[in-house]
Amino acid sequence: MMRLRITRVKQVGLVLAGVMMAATLLIASAPARATADDDSGALYKSKCAMCHGQTAEKKFDAAKGDDDLMQIVLKGKQAEKPPNMPAFADRGITADQAKALVAFMKSQKH
């Protein structure tokens, strides 16, 4: 009986330790996510807002897939009439930044 209680106490202790570690990781990662959102917003304002508007209300099809939109950001797109979408990979935008920009722009549509 005593051995069963010690085993149960160890199990509860391990579960609590796991929960505490998970909570610590979630709390520690929250500022990093906020910084990434802030960075994508600042990047959008400096590179995109002049054509797409402050809230992505112009010339942006949020229904397109994320991968398609990322490729448009990186490689550009020929428009039916000027101005064309420039290739931002040539201007130093990385795939991760393009992904963040797409997510930011889609978040502005909701």
N, C-alpha and C. Protein backbone atom coordinates (compact mmCIF):
# COMPACT_ATOMS: atom_id res chain seq x y z
N MET A 1 0.82 -1.20 0.00
CA MET A 1 0.00 0.00 0.00
C MET A 1 0.87 1.26 0.00
N MET A 2 1.92 1.27 0.83
CA MET A 2 2.81 2.42 0.90
C MET A 2 3.53 2.63 -0.43
N ARG A 3 3.92 1.53 -1.07
CA ARG A 3 4.62 1.61 -2.34
C ARG A 3 3.70 2.22 -3.42
N LEU A 4 2.43 1.89 -3.41
CA LEU A 4 1.46 2.43 -4.35
C LEU A 4 1.31 3.94 -4.18
N ARG A 5 1.27 4.42 -2.96
CA ARG A 5 1.14 5.86 -2.70
C ARG A 5 2.38 6.61 -3.19
N ILE A 6 3.56 6.05 -2.98
CA ILE A 6 4.79 6.71 -3.43
C ILE A 6 4.80 6.79 -4.96
N THR A 7 4.40 5.74 -5.62
CA THR A 7 4.34 5.74 -7.08
C THR A 7 3.35 6.78 -7.58
N ARG A 8 2.20 6.87 -6.96
CA ARG A 8 1.18 7.85 -7.34
C ARG A 8 1.70 9.28 -7.13
N VAL A 9 2.40 9.52 -6.03
CA VAL A 9 2.97 10.84 -5.75
C VAL A 9 4.00 11.19 -6.83
N LYS A 10 4.81 10.24 -7.24
CA LYS A 10 5.79 10.49 -8.30
C LYS A 10 5.08 10.83 -9.61
N GLN A 11 4.02 10.11 -9.94
CA GLN A 11 3.28 10.38 -11.17
C GLN A 11 2.68 11.78 -11.16
N VAL A 12 2.07 12.14 -10.06
CA VAL A 12 1.47 13.47 -9.94
C VAL A 12 2.56 14.53 -10.04
N GLY A 13 3.69 14.30 -9.40
CA GLY A 13 4.80 15.24 -9.46
C GLY A 13 5.32 15.43 -10.87
N LEU A 14 5.44 14.35 -11.63
CA LEU A 14 5.90 14.44 -13.01
C LEU A 14 4.90 15.20 -13.88
N VAL A 15 3.63 14.94 -13.68
CA VAL A 15 2.60 15.66 -14.45
C VAL A 15 2.65 17.15 -14.13
N LEU A 16 2.74 17.49 -12.87
CA LEU A 16 2.81 18.91 -12.49
C LEU A 16 4.07 19.56 -13.05
N ALA A 17 5.19 18.87 -13.02
CA ALA A 17 6.42 19.42 -13.58
C ALA A 17 6.26 19.67 -15.08
N GLY A 18 5.62 18.75 -15.79
CA GLY A 18 5.38 18.93 -17.21
C GLY A 18 4.48 20.12 -17.51
N VAL A 19 3.44 20.27 -16.72
CA VAL A 19 2.52 21.40 -16.90
C VAL A 19 3.26 22.72 -16.64
N MET A 20 4.08 22.75 -15.62
CA MET A 20 4.84 23.97 -15.31
C MET A 20 5.81 24.31 -16.43
N MET A 21 6.47 23.31 -16.99
CA MET A 21 7.40 23.56 -18.09
C MET A 21 6.67 24.08 -19.32
N ALA A 22 5.53 23.50 -19.63
CA ALA A 22 4.74 23.94 -20.78
C ALA A 22 4.26 25.37 -20.59
N ALA A 23 3.80 25.70 -19.40
CA ALA A 23 3.34 27.06 -19.11
C ALA A 23 4.49 28.05 -19.25
N THR A 24 5.65 27.68 -18.77
CA THR A 24 6.82 28.55 -18.87
C THR A 24 7.18 28.81 -20.33
N LEU A 25 7.15 27.77 -21.16
CA LEU A 25 7.46 27.94 -22.57
C LEU A 25 6.44 28.83 -23.27
N LEU A 26 5.17 28.67 -22.96
CA LEU A 26 4.14 29.52 -23.57
C LEU A 26 4.31 30.97 -23.18
N ILE A 27 4.58 31.21 -21.92
CA ILE A 27 4.75 32.59 -21.45
C ILE A 27 5.99 33.20 -22.07
N ALA A 28 7.06 32.44 -22.17
CA ALA A 28 8.31 32.96 -22.73
C ALA A 28 8.19 33.25 -24.22
N SER A 29 7.36 32.51 -24.95
CA SER A 29 7.26 32.72 -26.39
C SER A 29 6.28 33.82 -26.76
N ALA A 30 5.43 34.26 -25.88
CA ALA A 30 4.45 35.31 -26.19
C ALA A 30 5.10 36.61 -26.66
N PRO A 31 6.13 37.14 -25.99
CA PRO A 31 6.75 38.36 -26.49
C PRO A 31 7.38 38.18 -27.87
N ALA A 32 7.90 37.00 -28.16
CA ALA A 32 8.49 36.76 -29.48
C ALA A 32 7.43 36.83 -30.56
N ARG A 33 6.24 36.27 -30.31
CA ARG A 33 5.16 36.36 -31.29
C ARG A 33 4.72 37.80 -31.48
N ALA A 34 4.62 38.55 -30.42
CA ALA A 34 4.22 39.95 -30.53
C ALA A 34 5.24 40.73 -31.34
N THR A 35 6.53 40.45 -31.12
CA THR A 35 7.58 41.13 -31.87
C THR A 35 7.48 40.79 -33.35
N ALA A 36 7.23 39.53 -33.68
CA ALA A 36 7.09 39.13 -35.08
C ALA A 36 5.92 39.86 -35.73
N ASP A 37 4.79 39.98 -35.02
CA ASP A 37 3.64 40.72 -35.54
C ASP A 37 3.99 42.19 -35.74
N ASP A 38 4.69 42.77 -34.78
CA ASP A 38 5.10 44.17 -34.89
C ASP A 38 6.03 44.36 -36.09
N ASP A 39 6.97 43.42 -36.28
CA ASP A 39 7.90 43.50 -37.39
C ASP A 39 7.19 43.40 -38.73
N SER A 40 6.23 42.48 -38.86
CA SER A 40 5.52 42.35 -40.13
C SER A 40 4.66 43.58 -40.40
N GLY A 41 4.10 44.15 -39.35
CA GLY A 41 3.32 45.38 -39.53
C GLY A 41 4.20 46.54 -39.99
N ALA A 42 5.37 46.66 -39.39
CA ALA A 42 6.30 47.72 -39.79
C ALA A 42 6.80 47.49 -41.21
N LEU A 43 7.09 46.24 -41.55
CA LEU A 43 7.55 45.91 -42.90
C LEU A 43 6.44 46.21 -43.91
N TYR A 44 5.21 45.86 -43.57
CA TYR A 44 4.08 46.16 -44.45
C TYR A 44 3.98 47.66 -44.69
N LYS A 45 4.05 48.43 -43.62
CA LYS A 45 3.92 49.89 -43.76
C LYS A 45 5.04 50.48 -44.62
N SER A 46 6.24 49.93 -44.51
CA SER A 46 7.36 50.50 -45.26
C SER A 46 7.41 50.03 -46.71
N LYS A 47 6.92 48.82 -47.00
CA LYS A 47 7.07 48.26 -48.35
C LYS A 47 5.77 48.13 -49.13
N CYS A 48 4.64 48.01 -48.45
CA CYS A 48 3.40 47.62 -49.13
C CYS A 48 2.28 48.66 -49.08
N ALA A 49 2.21 49.40 -47.99
CA ALA A 49 1.05 50.27 -47.75
C ALA A 49 0.87 51.32 -48.84
N MET A 50 1.95 51.75 -49.47
CA MET A 50 1.82 52.79 -50.49
C MET A 50 0.94 52.35 -51.66
N CYS A 51 0.93 51.05 -51.97
CA CYS A 51 0.08 50.54 -53.05
C CYS A 51 -1.17 49.84 -52.54
N HIS A 52 -1.05 49.13 -51.42
CA HIS A 52 -2.15 48.31 -50.93
C HIS A 52 -3.00 48.99 -49.86
N GLY A 53 -2.63 50.18 -49.44
CA GLY A 53 -3.38 50.90 -48.41
C GLY A 53 -2.97 50.49 -47.01
N GLN A 54 -3.35 51.29 -46.04
CA GLN A 54 -2.94 51.07 -44.66
C GLN A 54 -3.49 49.77 -44.07
N THR A 55 -4.63 49.30 -44.58
CA THR A 55 -5.23 48.07 -44.05
C THR A 55 -5.42 47.01 -45.13
N ALA A 56 -4.53 47.01 -46.13
CA ALA A 56 -4.56 46.03 -47.22
C ALA A 56 -5.90 46.03 -47.96
N GLU A 57 -6.49 47.21 -48.07
CA GLU A 57 -7.81 47.28 -48.70
C GLU A 57 -7.75 47.39 -50.22
N LYS A 58 -6.57 47.62 -50.79
CA LYS A 58 -6.46 47.81 -52.24
C LYS A 58 -5.63 46.70 -52.88
N LYS A 59 -6.07 46.23 -54.02
CA LYS A 59 -5.30 45.32 -54.86
C LYS A 59 -4.73 44.13 -54.09
N PHE A 60 -5.56 43.47 -53.31
CA PHE A 60 -5.12 42.30 -52.55
C PHE A 60 -6.26 41.30 -52.49
N ASP A 61 -6.00 40.09 -52.98
CA ASP A 61 -7.01 39.03 -52.99
C ASP A 61 -6.73 38.06 -51.85
N ALA A 62 -7.38 38.28 -50.71
CA ALA A 62 -7.16 37.46 -49.52
C ALA A 62 -7.66 36.03 -49.71
N ALA A 63 -8.44 35.77 -50.76
CA ALA A 63 -8.94 34.42 -51.00
C ALA A 63 -7.88 33.51 -51.62
N LYS A 64 -6.83 34.10 -52.17
CA LYS A 64 -5.74 33.29 -52.74
C LYS A 64 -5.04 32.53 -51.63
N GLY A 65 -4.43 31.42 -51.98
CA GLY A 65 -3.68 30.62 -51.03
C GLY A 65 -2.43 31.33 -50.55
N ASP A 66 -2.01 31.01 -49.35
CA ASP A 66 -0.83 31.65 -48.76
C ASP A 66 0.41 31.43 -49.63
N ASP A 67 0.60 30.21 -50.14
CA ASP A 67 1.78 29.93 -50.96
C ASP A 67 1.78 30.77 -52.24
N ASP A 68 0.61 30.91 -52.87
CA ASP A 68 0.52 31.74 -54.07
C ASP A 68 0.85 33.20 -53.75
N LEU A 69 0.31 33.70 -52.66
CA LEU A 69 0.57 35.09 -52.28
C LEU A 69 2.04 35.30 -51.91
N MET A 70 2.64 34.32 -51.25
CA MET A 70 4.07 34.44 -50.92
C MET A 70 4.90 34.53 -52.20
N GLN A 71 4.56 33.72 -53.20
CA GLN A 71 5.30 33.76 -54.46
C GLN A 71 5.12 35.10 -55.17
N ILE A 72 3.94 35.67 -55.07
CA ILE A 72 3.71 36.99 -55.67
C ILE A 72 4.56 38.04 -54.96
N VAL A 73 4.63 37.97 -53.64
CA VAL A 73 5.47 38.91 -52.89
C VAL A 73 6.92 38.76 -53.31
N LEU A 74 7.39 37.53 -53.39
CA LEU A 74 8.80 37.29 -53.68
C LEU A 74 9.17 37.52 -55.14
N LYS A 75 8.31 37.08 -56.08
CA LYS A 75 8.65 37.12 -57.51
C LYS A 75 7.97 38.25 -58.28
N GLY A 76 6.97 38.89 -57.66
CA GLY A 76 6.25 39.94 -58.34
C GLY A 76 5.14 39.39 -59.21
N LYS A 77 4.39 40.31 -59.83
CA LYS A 77 3.28 39.89 -60.70
C LYS A 77 3.00 40.99 -61.70
N GLN A 78 2.80 40.56 -62.94
CA GLN A 78 2.44 41.49 -64.00
C GLN A 78 0.96 41.81 -63.86
N ALA A 79 0.62 43.06 -63.75
CA ALA A 79 -0.77 43.48 -63.62
C ALA A 79 -1.37 43.74 -65.00
N GLU A 80 -2.70 43.80 -65.06
CA GLU A 80 -3.36 44.11 -66.33
C GLU A 80 -3.00 45.52 -66.78
N LYS A 81 -2.85 46.41 -65.81
CA LYS A 81 -2.39 47.77 -66.11
C LYS A 81 -1.46 48.20 -64.97
N PRO A 82 -0.55 49.11 -65.24
CA PRO A 82 0.40 49.53 -64.20
C PRO A 82 -0.31 50.13 -63.00
N PRO A 83 0.28 50.06 -61.85
CA PRO A 83 1.63 49.57 -61.59
C PRO A 83 1.65 48.06 -61.39
N ASN A 84 2.76 47.44 -61.76
CA ASN A 84 2.96 46.01 -61.55
C ASN A 84 3.46 45.77 -60.13
N MET A 85 3.25 44.56 -59.66
CA MET A 85 3.77 44.17 -58.34
C MET A 85 5.24 43.83 -58.51
N PRO A 86 6.14 44.56 -57.84
CA PRO A 86 7.57 44.25 -57.98
C PRO A 86 7.94 42.98 -57.23
N ALA A 87 9.07 42.40 -57.61
CA ALA A 87 9.61 41.22 -56.93
C ALA A 87 10.38 41.68 -55.70
N PHE A 88 9.87 41.36 -54.53
CA PHE A 88 10.51 41.84 -53.31
C PHE A 88 11.66 40.95 -52.85
N ALA A 89 11.82 39.77 -53.45
CA ALA A 89 13.02 38.97 -53.15
C ALA A 89 14.25 39.74 -53.61
N ASP A 90 14.11 40.47 -54.72
CA ASP A 90 15.20 41.31 -55.23
C ASP A 90 15.48 42.49 -54.31
N ARG A 91 14.56 42.79 -53.43
CA ARG A 91 14.69 43.93 -52.52
C ARG A 91 14.97 43.49 -51.08
N GLY A 92 15.39 42.23 -50.93
CA GLY A 92 15.83 41.76 -49.62
C GLY A 92 14.78 41.09 -48.75
N ILE A 93 13.57 40.88 -49.27
CA ILE A 93 12.53 40.22 -48.49
C ILE A 93 12.77 38.70 -48.55
N THR A 94 12.80 38.06 -47.39
CA THR A 94 13.01 36.61 -47.31
C THR A 94 11.67 35.88 -47.39
N ALA A 95 11.73 34.57 -47.56
CA ALA A 95 10.50 33.76 -47.59
C ALA A 95 9.75 33.86 -46.27
N ASP A 96 10.48 33.87 -45.16
CA ASP A 96 9.82 34.00 -43.85
C ASP A 96 9.14 35.35 -43.71
N GLN A 97 9.78 36.40 -44.20
CA GLN A 97 9.15 37.72 -44.15
C GLN A 97 7.94 37.78 -45.06
N ALA A 98 8.03 37.16 -46.23
CA ALA A 98 6.89 37.13 -47.15
C ALA A 98 5.71 36.40 -46.51
N LYS A 99 6.00 35.30 -45.83
CA LYS A 99 4.94 34.56 -45.14
C LYS A 99 4.30 35.43 -44.06
N ALA A 100 5.13 36.16 -43.31
CA ALA A 100 4.61 37.04 -42.26
C ALA A 100 3.79 38.18 -42.86
N LEU A 101 4.23 38.71 -44.00
CA LEU A 101 3.47 39.78 -44.66
C LEU A 101 2.10 39.28 -45.11
N VAL A 102 2.07 38.09 -45.70
CA VAL A 102 0.79 37.52 -46.15
C VAL A 102 -0.15 37.35 -44.95
N ALA A 103 0.37 36.80 -43.87
CA ALA A 103 -0.45 36.62 -42.67
C ALA A 103 -0.94 37.96 -42.14
N PHE A 104 -0.06 38.96 -42.14
CA PHE A 104 -0.44 40.29 -41.66
C PHE A 104 -1.54 40.88 -42.54
N MET A 105 -1.36 40.79 -43.86
CA MET A 105 -2.36 41.36 -44.77
C MET A 105 -3.71 40.67 -44.62
N LYS A 106 -3.69 39.35 -44.51
CA LYS A 106 -4.95 38.62 -44.32
C LYS A 106 -5.60 39.00 -42.99
N SER A 107 -4.81 39.25 -41.97
CA SER A 107 -5.38 39.63 -40.68
C SER A 107 -6.05 41.00 -40.75
N GLN A 108 -5.62 41.83 -41.67
CA GLN A 108 -6.22 43.16 -41.83
C GLN A 108 -7.58 43.09 -42.51
N LYS A 109 -7.85 42.00 -43.20
CA LYS A 109 -9.11 41.85 -43.92
C LYS A 109 -10.25 41.38 -43.03
N HIS A 110 -9.96 41.00 -41.79
CA HIS A 110 -11.00 40.47 -40.89
C HIS A 110 -11.41 41.49 -39.88
